[in-house]
Amino acid sequence: MVPYIFAPYNPMDDEQPILPPKGVGESFRYMKVTFPNGTEFKGYNIFDVYIRSLRYIGFDRVYKVSYWSKYKRGGAPIVSTTIHKEWGPRYKSYEVDGYHVLKVKANSFRALINQISETYNLGIRVDLL
C-alpha cells in the first residue's frame, strides 16, 4: 500500500491543451472533469485528476458504485477499502482517505466517473484528449 501524494499545481494545466491527434495504441495525455457547479479538475497527470475528482465526489459514493460496476480487475473493484490479491503485481494501488484506488487505464477512469454521474444524477462531464 502506497499513500498517494497529490501532484503540485502546474500552470500549464490551466491552458487549453494543444495536442496532435491521438494515434492508434497511443495513451491519452490530458483529462478534464467538469462538474455542473463549475468546479473543474484538469491536467496532464490523468491519475491525479481522477483522484481529485473521486475525492470531490466522495469516496463513500465511489466505493458503492465501484463495487457493483463492471469495471473490475481480477473480479475485484478498482476502488476498495482493502487491497485485493486479485489485482496482482501488474497493477499498482494507492491509498487515499482510507480507500485503495487501483491505477488502471484512462478509459476505465472515464467510464467509472461517468457511471457514478449516471447513478447519482450528478451531471459530470469527462473529456480525455
C-alpha atoms as a PDB file:
ATOM      1  CA  MET A   1       0.000   0.000   0.000  1.00  0.00           C
ATOM      2  CA  VAL A   2       1.387   3.328  -1.069  1.00  0.00           C
ATOM      3  CA  PRO A   3      -0.231   6.554   0.162  1.00  0.00           C
ATOM      4  CA  TYR A   4      -0.993   8.858  -2.754  1.00  0.00           C
ATOM      5  CA  ILE A   5       0.852  12.177  -2.917  1.00  0.00           C
ATOM      6  CA  PHE A   6      -1.028  14.766  -4.949  1.00  0.00           C
ATOM      7  CA  ALA A   7       0.873  16.446  -7.763  1.00  0.00           C
ATOM      8  CA  PRO A   8       1.743  20.114  -7.193  1.00  0.00           C
ATOM      9  CA  TYR A   9      -0.155  22.773  -9.135  1.00  0.00           C
ATOM     10  CA  ASN A  10       1.147  23.272 -12.655  1.00  0.00           C
ATOM     11  CA  PRO A  11       0.076  26.452 -14.528  1.00  0.00           C
ATOM     12  CA  MET A  12       0.273  24.526 -17.820  1.00  0.00           C
ATOM     13  CA  ASP A  13      -2.779  22.523 -16.714  1.00  0.00           C
ATOM     14  CA  ASP A  14      -4.978  25.643 -16.928  1.00  0.00           C
ATOM     15  CA  GLU A  15      -4.151  26.324 -20.565  1.00  0.00           C
ATOM     16  CA  GLN A  16      -6.186  24.776 -23.359  1.00  0.00           C
ATOM     17  CA  PRO A  17      -4.158  21.738 -24.459  1.00  0.00           C
ATOM     18  CA  ILE A  18      -2.767  21.826 -27.977  1.00  0.00           C
ATOM     19  CA  LEU A  19      -2.043  18.213 -28.763  1.00  0.00           C
ATOM     20  CA  PRO A  20      -1.701  16.394 -32.053  1.00  0.00           C
ATOM     21  CA  PRO A  21      -4.395  13.781 -32.688  1.00  0.00           C
ATOM     22  CA  LYS A  22      -4.001  10.608 -30.665  1.00  0.00           C
ATOM     23  CA  GLY A  23      -2.557   7.776 -32.718  1.00  0.00           C
ATOM     24  CA  VAL A  24      -3.706   4.171 -32.669  1.00  0.00           C
ATOM     25  CA  GLY A  25      -2.490   2.457 -29.495  1.00  0.00           C
ATOM     26  CA  GLU A  26      -1.350   5.758 -28.000  1.00  0.00           C
ATOM     27  CA  SER A  27      -2.386   6.771 -24.474  1.00  0.00           C
ATOM     28  CA  PHE A  28      -4.486   9.771 -23.573  1.00  0.00           C
ATOM     29  CA  ARG A  29      -2.427  12.750 -22.406  1.00  0.00           C
ATOM     30  CA  TYR A  30      -4.902  15.182 -20.820  1.00  0.00           C
ATOM     31  CA  MET A  31      -8.053  14.822 -18.730  1.00  0.00           C
ATOM     32  CA  LYS A  32     -10.689  17.376 -17.806  1.00  0.00           C
ATOM     33  CA  VAL A  33     -13.552  16.652 -15.396  1.00  0.00           C
ATOM     34  CA  THR A  34     -16.263  19.318 -15.174  1.00  0.00           C
ATOM     35  CA  PHE A  35     -18.981  19.387 -12.518  1.00  0.00           C
ATOM     36  CA  PRO A  36     -22.319  21.199 -13.038  1.00  0.00           C
ATOM     37  CA  ASN A  37     -21.477  23.787 -10.342  1.00  0.00           C
ATOM     38  CA  GLY A  38     -18.459  24.924 -12.400  1.00  0.00           C
ATOM     39  CA  THR A  39     -15.770  23.039 -10.474  1.00  0.00           C
ATOM     40  CA  GLU A  40     -13.114  21.653 -12.803  1.00  0.00           C
ATOM     41  CA  PHE A  41     -10.204  19.307 -12.376  1.00  0.00           C
ATOM     42  CA  LYS A  42      -7.872  19.182 -15.358  1.00  0.00           C
ATOM     43  CA  GLY A  43      -4.312  18.402 -16.210  1.00  0.00           C
ATOM     44  CA  TYR A  44      -1.715  16.286 -17.894  1.00  0.00           C
ATOM     45  CA  ASN A  45      -1.377  13.987 -14.869  1.00  0.00           C
ATOM     46  CA  ILE A  46      -4.513  11.971 -15.613  1.00  0.00           C
ATOM     47  CA  PHE A  47      -4.362   9.820 -12.481  1.00  0.00           C
ATOM     48  CA  ASP A  48      -4.094  12.907 -10.274  1.00  0.00           C
ATOM     49  CA  VAL A  49      -7.141  14.487 -11.956  1.00  0.00           C
ATOM     50  CA  TYR A  50      -9.005  11.195 -11.470  1.00  0.00           C
ATOM     51  CA  ILE A  51      -8.149  11.004  -7.748  1.00  0.00           C
ATOM     52  CA  ARG A  52      -9.108  14.647  -7.162  1.00  0.00           C
ATOM     53  CA  SER A  53     -12.434  14.048  -8.924  1.00  0.00           C
ATOM     54  CA  LEU A  54     -13.192  10.925  -6.875  1.00  0.00           C
ATOM     55  CA  ARG A  55     -12.321  12.772  -3.686  1.00  0.00           C
ATOM     56  CA  TYR A  56     -14.641  15.651  -4.671  1.00  0.00           C
ATOM     57  CA  ILE A  57     -17.494  13.229  -5.405  1.00  0.00           C
ATOM     58  CA  GLY A  58     -16.861  11.401  -2.125  1.00  0.00           C
ATOM     59  CA  PHE A  59     -15.257   8.009  -1.704  1.00  0.00           C
ATOM     60  CA  ASP A  60     -18.339   6.588   0.032  1.00  0.00           C
ATOM     61  CA  ARG A  61     -20.338   7.069  -3.206  1.00  0.00           C
ATOM     62  CA  VAL A  62     -17.429   5.982  -5.395  1.00  0.00           C
ATOM     63  CA  TYR A  63     -16.920   2.770  -3.419  1.00  0.00           C
ATOM     64  CA  LYS A  64     -20.590   1.764  -3.702  1.00  0.00           C
ATOM     65  CA  VAL A  65     -20.683   2.265  -7.461  1.00  0.00           C
ATOM     66  CA  SER A  66     -17.271   0.655  -7.975  1.00  0.00           C
ATOM     67  CA  TYR A  67     -18.326  -2.426  -6.033  1.00  0.00           C
ATOM     68  CA  TRP A  68     -21.366  -3.041  -8.271  1.00  0.00           C
ATOM     69  CA  SER A  69     -19.883  -1.793 -11.554  1.00  0.00           C
ATOM     70  CA  LYS A  70     -18.460  -3.897 -14.342  1.00  0.00           C
ATOM     71  CA  TYR A  71     -15.121  -2.052 -14.095  1.00  0.00           C
ATOM     72  CA  LYS A  72     -13.086  -4.556 -12.105  1.00  0.00           C
ATOM     73  CA  ARG A  73      -9.652  -6.137 -12.224  1.00  0.00           C
ATOM     74  CA  GLY A  74      -9.479  -9.819 -11.413  1.00  0.00           C
ATOM     75  CA  GLY A  75     -13.103  -9.681 -10.261  1.00  0.00           C
ATOM     76  CA  ALA A  76     -12.293  -7.064  -7.591  1.00  0.00           C
ATOM     77  CA  PRO A  77     -13.490  -3.427  -7.720  1.00  0.00           C
ATOM     78  CA  ILE A  78     -10.941  -0.792  -8.766  1.00  0.00           C
ATOM     79  CA  VAL A  79     -11.798   1.320  -5.685  1.00  0.00           C
ATOM     80  CA  SER A  80     -11.937  -0.603  -2.431  1.00  0.00           C
ATOM     81  CA  THR A  81     -11.437  -0.417   1.317  1.00  0.00           C
ATOM     82  CA  THR A  82      -8.902  -3.260   1.171  1.00  0.00           C
ATOM     83  CA  ILE A  83      -6.094  -4.392  -1.120  1.00  0.00           C
ATOM     84  CA  HIS A  84      -7.224  -7.376  -3.175  1.00  0.00           C
ATOM     85  CA  LYS A  85      -4.863 -10.188  -4.083  1.00  0.00           C
ATOM     86  CA  GLU A  86      -6.784 -10.484  -7.377  1.00  0.00           C
ATOM     87  CA  TRP A  87      -5.220  -7.207  -8.507  1.00  0.00           C
ATOM     88  CA  GLY A  88      -1.850  -8.918  -8.676  1.00  0.00           C
ATOM     89  CA  PRO A  89       1.523  -7.280  -9.241  1.00  0.00           C
ATOM     90  CA  ARG A  90       0.525  -5.881 -12.639  1.00  0.00           C
ATOM     91  CA  TYR A  91      -1.489  -3.032 -11.138  1.00  0.00           C
ATOM     92  CA  LYS A  92      -0.413  -0.540  -8.509  1.00  0.00           C
ATOM     93  CA  SER A  93      -2.804   0.747  -5.866  1.00  0.00           C
ATOM     94  CA  TYR A  94      -2.664   3.936  -3.837  1.00  0.00           C
ATOM     95  CA  GLU A  95      -4.321   4.772  -0.551  1.00  0.00           C
ATOM     96  CA  VAL A  96      -6.413   7.940  -0.445  1.00  0.00           C
ATOM     97  CA  ASP A  97      -8.599   8.814   2.558  1.00  0.00           C
ATOM     98  CA  GLY A  98      -8.692   5.178   3.720  1.00  0.00           C
ATOM     99  CA  TYR A  99      -9.653   3.763   0.296  1.00  0.00           C
ATOM    100  CA  HIS A 100      -7.406   1.905  -2.122  1.00  0.00           C
ATOM    101  CA  VAL A 101      -7.547   3.123  -5.708  1.00  0.00           C
ATOM    102  CA  LEU A 102      -6.135   0.939  -8.447  1.00  0.00           C
ATOM    103  CA  LYS A 103      -4.167   2.658 -11.194  1.00  0.00           C
ATOM    104  CA  VAL A 104      -5.670   1.388 -14.443  1.00  0.00           C
ATOM    105  CA  LYS A 105      -6.212   2.869 -17.924  1.00  0.00           C
ATOM    106  CA  ALA A 106      -7.733   6.295 -18.564  1.00  0.00           C
ATOM    107  CA  ASN A 107     -10.748   4.753 -20.317  1.00  0.00           C
ATOM    108  CA  SER A 108     -11.646   2.983 -17.065  1.00  0.00           C
ATOM    109  CA  PHE A 109     -11.255   6.266 -15.164  1.00  0.00           C
ATOM    110  CA  ARG A 110     -13.669   7.981 -17.533  1.00  0.00           C
ATOM    111  CA  ALA A 111     -16.114   5.077 -17.510  1.00  0.00           C
ATOM    112  CA  LEU A 112     -16.244   4.872 -13.702  1.00  0.00           C
ATOM    113  CA  ILE A 113     -16.760   8.632 -13.288  1.00  0.00           C
ATOM    114  CA  ASN A 114     -19.500   8.538 -15.940  1.00  0.00           C
ATOM    115  CA  GLN A 115     -21.177   5.608 -14.190  1.00  0.00           C
ATOM    116  CA  ILE A 116     -21.047   7.434 -10.833  1.00  0.00           C
ATOM    117  CA  SER A 117     -22.517  10.509 -12.510  1.00  0.00           C
ATOM    118  CA  GLU A 118     -25.380   8.472 -14.002  1.00  0.00           C
ATOM    119  CA  THR A 119     -26.062   6.565 -10.777  1.00  0.00           C
ATOM    120  CA  TYR A 120     -26.322   9.696  -8.623  1.00  0.00           C
ATOM    121  CA  ASN A 121     -27.539  12.016 -11.425  1.00  0.00           C
ATOM    122  CA  LEU A 122     -24.588  14.388 -10.930  1.00  0.00           C
ATOM    123  CA  GLY A 123     -24.185  15.717 -14.497  1.00  0.00           C
ATOM    124  CA  ILE A 124     -20.390  15.324 -14.595  1.00  0.00           C
ATOM    125  CA  ARG A 125     -18.585  15.686 -17.921  1.00  0.00           C
ATOM    126  CA  VAL A 126     -15.292  13.900 -18.577  1.00  0.00           C
ATOM    127  CA  ASP A 127     -13.023  14.761 -21.522  1.00  0.00           C
ATOM    128  CA  LEU A 128      -9.916  12.787 -22.450  1.00  0.00           C
ATOM    129  CA  LEU A 129      -7.510  14.143 -25.049  1.00  0.00           C
END
